[in-house]
Amino acid sequence: MTEQALTLTDNAAKKVRQLRESENNQDLMLRVYVTGGGCSGFSYGFNFAETVNEDDASFVNGDVTMVVDALSYQYLLGSSVDYIEGLEGSRFVVNNPNATTTCGCGSSFSI
């Protein structure tokens, strides 16, 4: 799981840097995961981690690290994680080529 199979965009990395500064913790990494549920079957989740677990894959953009657990990795393979600001608010989003359908808000998907 060391190949660059997932991408953290420059925009997303910039937002993580801003959030690290506001939390005054340069060790924070963006954790991206998939859970069951949502209107399309699976949902994306985002939080911050301070440690890398044994089964995590790590992806780096400059000084920012994104981690993904082994279970979520299979659903996110080939995806990019971005940060957008728009009419629906500001949020991290996953552009997932494996998703066959997504909901209107983009936070859930099916394969």
C-alpha atoms as a PDB file:
ATOM      1  CA  MET A   1       0.000   0.000   0.000  1.00  0.00           C
ATOM      2  CA  THR A   2       2.900   2.371  -0.591  1.00  0.00           C
ATOM      3  CA  GLU A   3       2.168   3.385  -4.199  1.00  0.00           C
ATOM      4  CA  GLN A   4       0.466   6.745  -4.747  1.00  0.00           C
ATOM      5  CA  ALA A   5      -2.935   5.137  -5.212  1.00  0.00           C
ATOM      6  CA  LEU A   6      -4.728   8.071  -3.562  1.00  0.00           C
ATOM      7  CA  THR A   7      -4.072  11.754  -4.011  1.00  0.00           C
ATOM      8  CA  LEU A   8      -4.427  14.665  -1.626  1.00  0.00           C
ATOM      9  CA  THR A   9      -4.873  17.792  -3.756  1.00  0.00           C
ATOM     10  CA  ASP A  10      -2.942  20.988  -3.114  1.00  0.00           C
ATOM     11  CA  ASN A  11      -6.180  22.684  -2.046  1.00  0.00           C
ATOM     12  CA  ALA A  12      -6.909  19.974   0.526  1.00  0.00           C
ATOM     13  CA  ALA A  13      -3.326  20.053   1.827  1.00  0.00           C
ATOM     14  CA  LYS A  14      -3.566  23.839   2.208  1.00  0.00           C
ATOM     15  CA  LYS A  15      -6.738  23.473   4.306  1.00  0.00           C
ATOM     16  CA  VAL A  16      -5.132  20.820   6.515  1.00  0.00           C
ATOM     17  CA  ARG A  17      -2.198  23.196   7.106  1.00  0.00           C
ATOM     18  CA  GLN A  18      -4.634  25.940   8.136  1.00  0.00           C
ATOM     19  CA  LEU A  19      -6.469  23.584  10.498  1.00  0.00           C
ATOM     20  CA  ARG A  20      -3.192  22.371  12.031  1.00  0.00           C
ATOM     21  CA  GLU A  21      -2.210  25.972  12.692  1.00  0.00           C
ATOM     22  CA  SER A  22      -5.570  26.774  14.283  1.00  0.00           C
ATOM     23  CA  GLU A  23      -5.217  23.686  16.520  1.00  0.00           C
ATOM     24  CA  ASN A  24      -1.556  24.544  17.184  1.00  0.00           C
ATOM     25  CA  ASN A  25      -0.618  20.928  16.429  1.00  0.00           C
ATOM     26  CA  GLN A  26       1.690  20.259  13.481  1.00  0.00           C
ATOM     27  CA  ASP A  27       1.407  16.474  14.030  1.00  0.00           C
ATOM     28  CA  LEU A  28      -2.194  16.277  12.825  1.00  0.00           C
ATOM     29  CA  MET A  29      -2.853  14.171   9.726  1.00  0.00           C
ATOM     30  CA  LEU A  30      -6.064  13.938   7.713  1.00  0.00           C
ATOM     31  CA  ARG A  31      -7.738  10.543   8.138  1.00  0.00           C
ATOM     32  CA  VAL A  32     -10.125   9.526   5.351  1.00  0.00           C
ATOM     33  CA  TYR A  33     -12.371   6.498   5.836  1.00  0.00           C
ATOM     34  CA  VAL A  34     -15.426   4.723   4.472  1.00  0.00           C
ATOM     35  CA  THR A  35     -18.341   3.539   6.604  1.00  0.00           C
ATOM     36  CA  GLY A  36     -21.547   1.724   5.801  1.00  0.00           C
ATOM     37  CA  GLY A  37     -24.637   3.900   5.538  1.00  0.00           C
ATOM     38  CA  GLY A  38     -25.714   7.045   3.800  1.00  0.00           C
ATOM     39  CA  CYS A  39     -28.323   7.290   1.090  1.00  0.00           C
ATOM     40  CA  SER A  40     -26.147   5.414  -1.442  1.00  0.00           C
ATOM     41  CA  GLY A  41     -24.766   2.606   0.738  1.00  0.00           C
ATOM     42  CA  PHE A  42     -21.350   3.881   1.879  1.00  0.00           C
ATOM     43  CA  SER A  43     -20.303   7.213   3.373  1.00  0.00           C
ATOM     44  CA  TYR A  44     -17.004   9.083   3.420  1.00  0.00           C
ATOM     45  CA  GLY A  45     -15.662  10.285   6.718  1.00  0.00           C
ATOM     46  CA  PHE A  46     -12.900  12.682   7.665  1.00  0.00           C
ATOM     47  CA  ASN A  47     -11.165  13.385  10.948  1.00  0.00           C
ATOM     48  CA  PHE A  48      -7.718  14.113  12.277  1.00  0.00           C
ATOM     49  CA  ALA A  49      -5.192  11.610  13.526  1.00  0.00           C
ATOM     50  CA  GLU A  50      -1.945  12.056  15.398  1.00  0.00           C
ATOM     51  CA  THR A  51      -0.639   8.537  14.816  1.00  0.00           C
ATOM     52  CA  VAL A  52      -0.445   6.120  11.908  1.00  0.00           C
ATOM     53  CA  ASN A  53      -1.953   2.710  12.681  1.00  0.00           C
ATOM     54  CA  GLU A  54      -0.267  -0.515  11.614  1.00  0.00           C
ATOM     55  CA  ASP A  55      -2.737  -1.160   8.776  1.00  0.00           C
ATOM     56  CA  ASP A  56      -2.845   2.454   7.492  1.00  0.00           C
ATOM     57  CA  ALA A  57      -1.609   3.592   4.102  1.00  0.00           C
ATOM     58  CA  SER A  58      -0.065   7.075   4.046  1.00  0.00           C
ATOM     59  CA  PHE A  59      -0.147   9.615   1.240  1.00  0.00           C
ATOM     60  CA  VAL A  60       1.816  12.841   1.328  1.00  0.00           C
ATOM     61  CA  ASN A  61       1.420  16.265  -0.249  1.00  0.00           C
ATOM     62  CA  GLY A  62       4.338  18.432   0.862  1.00  0.00           C
ATOM     63  CA  ASP A  63       4.312  18.485   4.654  1.00  0.00           C
ATOM     64  CA  VAL A  64       0.745  17.112   4.950  1.00  0.00           C
ATOM     65  CA  THR A  65      -0.046  13.424   5.404  1.00  0.00           C
ATOM     66  CA  MET A  66      -3.346  11.703   4.659  1.00  0.00           C
ATOM     67  CA  VAL A  67      -3.927   8.254   6.186  1.00  0.00           C
ATOM     68  CA  VAL A  68      -6.410   5.574   5.131  1.00  0.00           C
ATOM     69  CA  ASP A  69      -7.140   2.312   6.949  1.00  0.00           C
ATOM     70  CA  ALA A  70      -6.846  -1.010   5.093  1.00  0.00           C
ATOM     71  CA  LEU A  71     -10.610  -1.611   4.910  1.00  0.00           C
ATOM     72  CA  SER A  72     -11.355   1.830   3.448  1.00  0.00           C
ATOM     73  CA  TYR A  73      -8.370   1.670   1.081  1.00  0.00           C
ATOM     74  CA  GLN A  74     -10.044  -0.875  -1.210  1.00  0.00           C
ATOM     75  CA  TYR A  75     -13.003   1.481  -1.770  1.00  0.00           C
ATOM     76  CA  LEU A  76     -10.837   4.576  -2.248  1.00  0.00           C
ATOM     77  CA  LEU A  77      -8.206   3.181  -4.623  1.00  0.00           C
ATOM     78  CA  GLY A  78      -7.546   5.727  -7.385  1.00  0.00           C
ATOM     79  CA  SER A  79      -9.429   8.525  -5.613  1.00  0.00           C
ATOM     80  CA  SER A  80      -8.408  12.093  -4.966  1.00  0.00           C
ATOM     81  CA  VAL A  81      -9.336  14.062  -1.869  1.00  0.00           C
ATOM     82  CA  ASP A  82     -10.018  17.741  -2.426  1.00  0.00           C
ATOM     83  CA  TYR A  83     -11.316  20.691  -0.424  1.00  0.00           C
ATOM     84  CA  ILE A  84     -14.016  22.858  -1.963  1.00  0.00           C
ATOM     85  CA  GLU A  85     -15.811  26.029  -0.988  1.00  0.00           C
ATOM     86  CA  GLY A  86     -19.155  26.717  -2.631  1.00  0.00           C
ATOM     87  CA  LEU A  87     -22.852  27.367  -2.170  1.00  0.00           C
ATOM     88  CA  GLU A  88     -23.256  24.121  -0.214  1.00  0.00           C
ATOM     89  CA  GLY A  89     -20.532  25.179   2.216  1.00  0.00           C
ATOM     90  CA  SER A  90     -16.905  24.247   2.654  1.00  0.00           C
ATOM     91  CA  ARG A  91     -15.865  20.619   2.908  1.00  0.00           C
ATOM     92  CA  PHE A  92     -13.461  17.876   1.997  1.00  0.00           C
ATOM     93  CA  VAL A  93     -14.700  15.781  -0.932  1.00  0.00           C
ATOM     94  CA  VAL A  94     -13.627  12.484  -2.477  1.00  0.00           C
ATOM     95  CA  ASN A  95     -13.484  12.128  -6.244  1.00  0.00           C
ATOM     96  CA  ASN A  96     -13.828   8.358  -6.454  1.00  0.00           C
ATOM     97  CA  PRO A  97     -13.577   6.605  -9.854  1.00  0.00           C
ATOM     98  CA  ASN A  98     -14.919   3.393  -8.261  1.00  0.00           C
ATOM     99  CA  ALA A  99     -18.276   4.900  -7.276  1.00  0.00           C
ATOM    100  CA  THR A 100     -21.103   3.893  -9.609  1.00  0.00           C
ATOM    101  CA  THR A 101     -23.603   6.259  -7.962  1.00  0.00           C
ATOM    102  CA  THR A 102     -23.307   9.124  -5.513  1.00  0.00           C
ATOM    103  CA  CYS A 103     -25.838  11.148  -3.594  1.00  0.00           C
ATOM    104  CA  GLY A 104     -26.517  14.790  -4.315  1.00  0.00           C
ATOM    105  CA  CYS A 105     -24.293  16.059  -1.525  1.00  0.00           C
ATOM    106  CA  GLY A 106     -21.408  13.808  -2.578  1.00  0.00           C
ATOM    107  CA  SER A 107     -20.864  12.315   0.871  1.00  0.00           C
ATOM    108  CA  SER A 108     -22.210   8.849   0.112  1.00  0.00           C
ATOM    109  CA  PHE A 109     -21.700   6.410  -2.749  1.00  0.00           C
ATOM    110  CA  SER A 110     -22.193   2.870  -3.987  1.00  0.00           C
ATOM    111  CA  ILE A 111     -19.915   0.523  -5.905  1.00  0.00           C
END
